[in-house]
Amino acid sequence: AKGAKYVAYTLDGSKVNAVNVKKRSSFYTEKNLKKKYRSHTKDYTHTGYDRGHLANDASFDYSEKIVRKTYSMANIIPQAPKVNRKTWIKAEKLERSVASKLGVVSVINGVVYTSNPKRIGKNKIAVPDAFWKMIYNDKESYKKCFYYKNDLDAQSKGDKLKNHLIDCDKLL
């Protein structure tokens, strides 16, 4: 698919709102992957899709080294602009808020591909049909899941985080 299927991480609530990293990194091709699995930033140019982070940079802005890692193309998927910039970002903000309240939170972001996905760029990057986020802290019995269609025609006006809330059992 030349794109991640899952990304998982744990957030420390004492660090997530540090906002220490002012300058954002540039996207870079992941050299640790075999060439046939790599994607390049130019694969996204003029496609109509954003370079969407799975593990978002804002949740790690306490460390330049970690923020830099979020710009690896291995962490990037084609996301519809309004979904990336307006709707998905609400779930990203929620993970930081929950981490702050509970002290720590685990996050899994998953990507849903059809059996024959649309592809973009020279390297034929698969465009996800949808993606999802699970935010949980078992100790505090907290678990919420969100599902987003990767729709270029998505409407962001009036969109609420709760519109994307789903039963976590549907993801497993």
Protein backbone atom coordinates (compact mmCIF):
# COMPACT_ATOMS: atom_id res chain seq x y z
CA ALA A 1 0.00 0.00 0.00
CA LYS A 2 3.07 2.25 0.50
CA GLY A 3 1.35 3.69 3.52
CA ALA A 4 1.05 2.75 7.15
CA LYS A 5 -1.83 0.60 8.31
CA TYR A 6 -1.41 1.44 11.99
CA VAL A 7 0.53 3.84 14.18
CA ALA A 8 0.53 3.55 17.98
CA TYR A 9 1.99 5.80 20.64
CA THR A 10 1.61 6.83 24.26
CA LEU A 11 1.30 10.45 25.33
CA ASP A 12 2.60 11.84 28.61
CA GLY A 13 0.05 14.37 29.84
CA SER A 14 2.73 16.53 31.45
CA LYS A 15 4.43 17.08 28.08
CA VAL A 16 1.70 17.28 25.43
CA ASN A 17 0.99 21.00 25.63
CA ALA A 18 4.59 22.18 25.90
CA VAL A 19 4.71 23.94 22.49
CA ASN A 20 8.49 24.09 22.60
CA VAL A 21 9.14 23.35 18.94
CA LYS A 22 8.51 26.50 16.94
CA LYS A 23 9.95 25.50 13.57
CA ARG A 24 8.33 22.55 11.84
CA SER A 25 10.39 19.99 9.99
CA SER A 26 10.25 19.18 6.31
CA PHE A 27 8.80 15.90 5.14
CA TYR A 28 11.45 13.30 4.36
CA THR A 29 11.58 9.87 2.76
CA GLU A 30 12.15 7.07 5.27
CA LYS A 31 15.50 5.51 4.39
CA ASN A 32 14.94 2.61 6.84
CA LEU A 33 12.32 1.14 4.51
CA LYS A 34 13.11 -0.90 1.42
CA LYS A 35 12.87 1.29 -1.69
CA LYS A 36 9.76 -0.48 -2.94
CA TYR A 37 7.87 0.58 0.22
CA ARG A 38 8.98 4.22 0.30
CA SER A 39 6.85 7.20 -0.53
CA HIS A 40 8.10 10.67 -1.38
CA THR A 41 6.67 14.08 -0.66
CA LYS A 42 6.44 14.83 -4.40
CA ASP A 43 4.02 11.90 -4.77
CA TYR A 44 1.42 14.21 -3.19
CA THR A 45 2.07 17.30 -5.32
CA HIS A 46 -1.00 18.44 -7.30
CA THR A 47 -3.07 15.40 -6.27
CA GLY A 48 -5.70 17.20 -4.20
CA TYR A 49 -4.61 15.32 -1.06
CA ASP A 50 -2.74 16.62 1.98
CA ARG A 51 0.27 14.91 3.48
CA GLY A 52 -1.65 13.83 6.57
CA HIS A 53 0.15 12.81 9.76
CA LEU A 54 -0.97 9.65 11.53
CA ALA A 55 1.04 10.47 14.66
CA ASN A 56 0.51 14.23 14.64
CA ASP A 57 3.34 16.63 15.29
CA ALA A 58 1.45 18.79 17.82
CA SER A 59 1.21 15.92 20.33
CA PHE A 60 5.02 15.70 20.41
CA ASP A 61 6.03 19.34 20.29
CA TYR A 62 8.00 19.04 23.52
CA SER A 63 10.88 17.45 21.58
CA GLU A 64 12.43 18.54 18.27
CA LYS A 65 13.78 15.02 17.75
CA ILE A 66 10.34 13.40 18.10
CA VAL A 67 8.54 16.07 16.06
CA ARG A 68 11.08 15.45 13.29
CA LYS A 69 10.14 11.74 13.29
CA THR A 70 6.48 12.61 12.66
CA TYR A 71 7.55 14.11 9.32
CA SER A 72 8.83 10.78 8.03
CA MET A 73 6.82 9.85 4.95
CA ALA A 74 6.27 6.46 6.66
CA ASN A 75 3.93 8.36 9.05
CA ILE A 76 2.08 10.18 6.25
CA ILE A 77 -1.05 9.17 4.36
CA PRO A 78 -3.07 10.96 1.67
CA GLN A 79 -5.83 12.82 3.53
CA ALA A 80 -8.64 14.90 2.10
CA PRO A 81 -7.78 18.52 2.98
CA LYS A 82 -10.97 19.38 4.89
CA VAL A 83 -10.77 16.13 6.84
CA ASN A 84 -7.08 16.66 7.68
CA ARG A 85 -7.32 20.35 8.56
CA LYS A 86 -10.82 20.67 10.02
CA THR A 87 -12.31 17.41 11.30
CA TRP A 88 -9.52 14.90 12.13
CA ILE A 89 -7.63 17.64 13.98
CA LYS A 90 -10.42 17.68 16.62
CA ALA A 91 -9.63 14.08 17.54
CA GLU A 92 -5.93 14.98 17.69
CA LYS A 93 -6.73 17.81 20.12
CA LEU A 94 -8.85 15.43 22.21
CA GLU A 95 -5.96 12.98 22.66
CA ARG A 96 -3.83 15.78 24.14
CA SER A 97 -6.66 16.93 26.37
CA VAL A 98 -7.29 13.41 27.67
CA ALA A 99 -3.56 12.88 28.26
CA SER A 100 -3.45 16.09 30.30
CA LYS A 101 -6.47 15.05 32.40
CA LEU A 102 -5.53 11.41 32.95
CA GLY A 103 -1.73 11.79 33.04
CA VAL A 104 -1.13 9.35 30.20
CA VAL A 105 -3.08 8.07 27.21
CA SER A 106 -2.43 5.50 24.52
CA VAL A 107 -3.43 6.13 20.93
CA ILE A 108 -3.80 3.83 17.95
CA ASN A 109 -4.48 5.30 14.53
CA GLY A 110 -5.58 2.87 11.86
CA VAL A 111 -5.97 3.20 8.12
CA VAL A 112 -8.64 1.49 6.01
CA TYR A 113 -7.81 0.65 2.42
CA THR A 114 -10.18 -0.89 -0.12
CA SER A 115 -8.99 -3.97 -2.00
CA ASN A 116 -8.29 -1.79 -5.04
CA PRO A 117 -7.49 1.71 -3.76
CA LYS A 118 -7.06 4.85 -5.80
CA ARG A 119 -3.33 5.60 -6.16
CA ILE A 120 -1.42 8.85 -6.45
CA GLY A 121 2.05 9.94 -7.52
CA LYS A 122 4.92 8.30 -9.32
CA ASN A 123 5.25 5.76 -6.51
CA LYS A 124 1.56 4.80 -6.65
CA ILE A 125 0.68 5.69 -3.05
CA ALA A 126 -2.58 4.05 -1.95
CA VAL A 127 -5.28 6.51 -0.91
CA PRO A 128 -7.12 5.31 2.20
CA ASP A 129 -10.88 4.94 2.12
CA ALA A 130 -11.01 5.92 5.79
CA PHE A 131 -9.00 6.09 8.99
CA TRP A 132 -9.72 5.84 12.68
CA LYS A 133 -8.37 6.77 16.09
CA MET A 134 -8.62 4.91 19.39
CA ILE A 135 -7.76 6.89 22.53
CA TYR A 136 -7.55 4.84 25.72
CA ASN A 137 -6.29 4.54 29.27
CA ASP A 138 -7.21 1.14 30.73
CA LYS A 139 -6.31 2.12 34.29
CA GLU A 140 -8.86 4.96 34.17
CA SER A 141 -11.37 2.89 32.14
CA TYR A 142 -11.31 5.46 29.35
CA LYS A 143 -11.75 4.46 25.72
CA LYS A 144 -13.13 6.41 22.76
CA CYS A 145 -12.92 5.68 19.06
CA PHE A 146 -13.47 7.89 16.04
CA TYR A 147 -13.90 7.01 12.35
CA TYR A 148 -13.41 9.33 9.38
CA LYS A 149 -14.18 8.79 5.70
CA ASN A 150 -11.37 10.16 3.54
CA ASP A 151 -13.76 12.15 1.39
CA LEU A 152 -12.52 14.98 -0.85
CA ASP A 153 -16.06 16.42 -0.72
CA ALA A 154 -16.28 16.30 3.09
CA GLN A 155 -18.09 19.20 4.67
CA SER A 156 -16.41 20.69 7.71
CA LYS A 157 -19.03 23.31 8.51
CA GLY A 158 -21.08 22.12 11.47
CA ASP A 159 -18.90 19.04 11.89
CA LYS A 160 -18.60 17.86 15.49
CA LEU A 161 -16.21 15.37 17.03
CA LYS A 162 -19.18 13.32 18.23
CA ASN A 163 -20.25 12.84 14.57
CA HIS A 164 -17.26 10.50 14.20
CA LEU A 165 -17.60 8.64 17.50
CA ILE A 166 -18.01 4.87 16.97
CA ASP A 167 -18.12 1.72 19.06
CA CYS A 168 -14.50 0.62 19.52
CA ASP A 169 -15.52 -3.03 19.10
CA LYS A 170 -16.21 -2.28 15.42
CA LEU A 171 -12.52 -1.62 14.91
CA LEU A 172 -11.26 -4.92 16.29
